[in-house]
Every structure is written in C-alpha cells, then in structure tokens.
C-alpha cells in the first residue's frame, strides 16, 4: 500500500479560527463521496489560537490534485482566502497502512 498523505497548517486572522474550522469541515463533508479521499481530519491546537491543521490521506497524489479542481473545493477556497494569513505544508508522506485505511 502506498497512499499520498499531507499534513498542513493554515494560519488565519485573529479570532477567525472557528470560521476556518467550519470551512474545512465543509470541505471534509464534500470529500465524503470521493472514494480516493480516505481521511480528511481537521485539527486545532489549544496553544495556537490562529492555526488550523489538516491531515489528509488520498489513494494517490493525482487524486488529491484532482480534488482541487472540483467546483465545491474552488468555492470553499475562495471563501477561505480572505481570512488566511499563511499556509504551511508541514509534510508530504507515503502512508503504508494502519487503522482507518482501506
């Protein structure tokens, strides 16, 4: 098994973390019908009040790239842009297996 995984961080305007969480949870909901998206988790850290972390596992990198062209994804990106102050791709990984993956 070789899956494509991302761990990323969004930095947002002061007081906008919950808004970003809501937008990313909408994104997660829109991914439910995509078989190639196996995991899409939205996370926060209590020590970073203006950051939101996302962990994703995809069947392969092409599937992830294709998801960025979906109308729902484009709309959510446009809605999020005004509050994003920075983004960081913490790591790109090759997932080998484990609980929660098919």
Protein backbone atom coordinates (compact mmCIF):
# COMPACT_ATOMS: atom_id res chain seq x y z
CA UNK A 1 0.00 0.00 0.00
CA UNK A 2 1.28 3.45 -0.95
CA UNK A 3 -1.08 6.28 -0.17
CA UNK A 4 -0.43 10.01 -0.60
CA UNK A 5 -0.74 11.93 2.65
CA UNK A 6 -0.48 15.58 3.59
CA UNK A 7 -0.16 17.34 6.91
CA UNK A 8 -0.76 21.05 6.55
CA UNK A 9 -1.30 24.15 8.63
CA UNK A 10 -3.46 27.19 7.91
CA UNK A 11 -2.75 30.40 9.79
CA UNK A 12 -5.76 32.73 9.98
CA UNK A 13 -6.67 36.21 11.12
CA UNK A 14 -7.11 36.80 14.85
CA UNK A 15 -10.41 35.36 16.01
CA UNK A 16 -11.16 33.55 12.73
CA UNK A 17 -10.04 30.04 13.68
CA UNK A 18 -13.60 28.76 14.23
CA UNK A 19 -14.63 30.17 10.84
CA UNK A 20 -11.74 28.31 9.21
CA UNK A 21 -12.61 25.11 11.07
CA UNK A 22 -16.18 25.37 9.79
CA UNK A 23 -14.99 25.88 6.20
CA UNK A 24 -12.62 22.93 6.41
CA UNK A 25 -15.33 20.73 7.91
CA UNK A 26 -17.48 21.69 4.90
CA UNK A 27 -14.58 20.55 2.73
CA UNK A 28 -14.43 17.28 4.66
CA UNK A 29 -18.16 16.79 4.12
CA UNK A 30 -17.76 17.37 0.38
CA UNK A 31 -14.99 14.73 0.30
CA UNK A 32 -17.27 12.00 1.69
CA UNK A 33 -18.39 10.97 -1.79
CA UNK A 34 -14.80 10.77 -3.11
CA UNK A 35 -13.51 7.21 -2.72
CA UNK A 36 -9.96 8.41 -3.33
CA UNK A 37 -10.08 10.57 -0.17
CA UNK A 38 -9.67 8.14 2.68
CA UNK A 39 -9.02 10.52 5.56
CA UNK A 40 -9.62 14.27 5.93
CA UNK A 41 -9.21 15.42 9.52
CA UNK A 42 -9.46 18.99 10.78
CA UNK A 43 -7.49 19.70 13.96
CA UNK A 44 -6.72 22.58 16.30
CA UNK A 45 -4.04 23.18 18.90
CA UNK A 46 -5.01 24.97 22.10
CA UNK A 47 -1.56 26.64 22.10
CA UNK A 48 -2.08 28.15 18.61
CA UNK A 49 -5.36 30.10 18.59
CA UNK A 50 -4.93 31.29 14.99
CA UNK A 51 -3.98 27.97 13.37
CA UNK A 52 -5.87 25.01 11.95
CA UNK A 53 -4.22 21.74 10.93
CA UNK A 54 -5.46 19.33 8.27
CA UNK A 55 -4.35 15.73 7.82
CA UNK A 56 -5.36 14.06 4.55
CA UNK A 57 -4.83 10.59 3.09
CA UNK A 58 -5.52 10.01 -0.61
CA UNK A 59 -5.24 6.98 -2.88
CA UNK A 60 -2.50 8.85 -4.75
CA UNK A 61 -1.24 12.37 -5.43
CA UNK A 62 -3.24 12.68 -8.67
CA UNK A 63 -6.48 12.14 -6.73
CA UNK A 64 -5.54 14.96 -4.38
CA UNK A 65 -4.72 17.28 -7.26
CA UNK A 66 -8.00 16.40 -8.99
CA UNK A 67 -9.92 17.33 -5.83
CA UNK A 68 -8.60 20.88 -6.11
CA UNK A 69 -10.37 21.28 -9.45
CA UNK A 70 -13.83 20.42 -8.10
CA UNK A 71 -16.31 23.29 -8.02
CA UNK A 72 -17.09 22.72 -4.32
CA UNK A 73 -13.39 22.89 -3.47
CA UNK A 74 -12.84 26.04 -5.53
CA UNK A 75 -15.80 27.74 -3.82
CA UNK A 76 -14.53 26.86 -0.35
CA UNK A 77 -11.04 28.11 -1.22
CA UNK A 78 -12.47 31.45 -2.36
CA UNK A 79 -14.47 31.76 0.86
CA UNK A 80 -11.39 30.97 2.99
CA UNK A 81 -8.87 33.21 1.21
CA UNK A 82 -9.86 36.46 2.97
CA UNK A 83 -9.09 35.06 6.44
CA UNK A 84 -5.94 33.05 5.62
CA UNK A 85 -2.71 34.78 6.62
CA UNK A 86 -0.40 31.89 5.75
CA UNK A 87 -0.14 28.23 4.86
CA UNK A 88 2.50 25.64 5.56
CA UNK A 89 2.82 22.14 4.17
CA UNK A 90 4.32 20.51 7.21
CA UNK A 91 4.93 17.23 5.48
CA UNK A 92 4.06 15.10 2.48
CA UNK A 93 4.06 11.44 3.40
CA UNK A 94 3.71 7.98 1.91
CA UNK A 95 1.27 6.15 4.13
CA UNK A 96 1.99 2.44 4.34
CA UNK A 97 -1.04 1.31 6.32
CA UNK A 98 -2.75 1.28 9.67
CA UNK A 99 -6.13 1.60 11.30
CA UNK A 100 -8.69 3.61 9.35
CA UNK A 101 -7.41 2.87 5.86
CA UNK A 102 -8.87 0.51 3.35
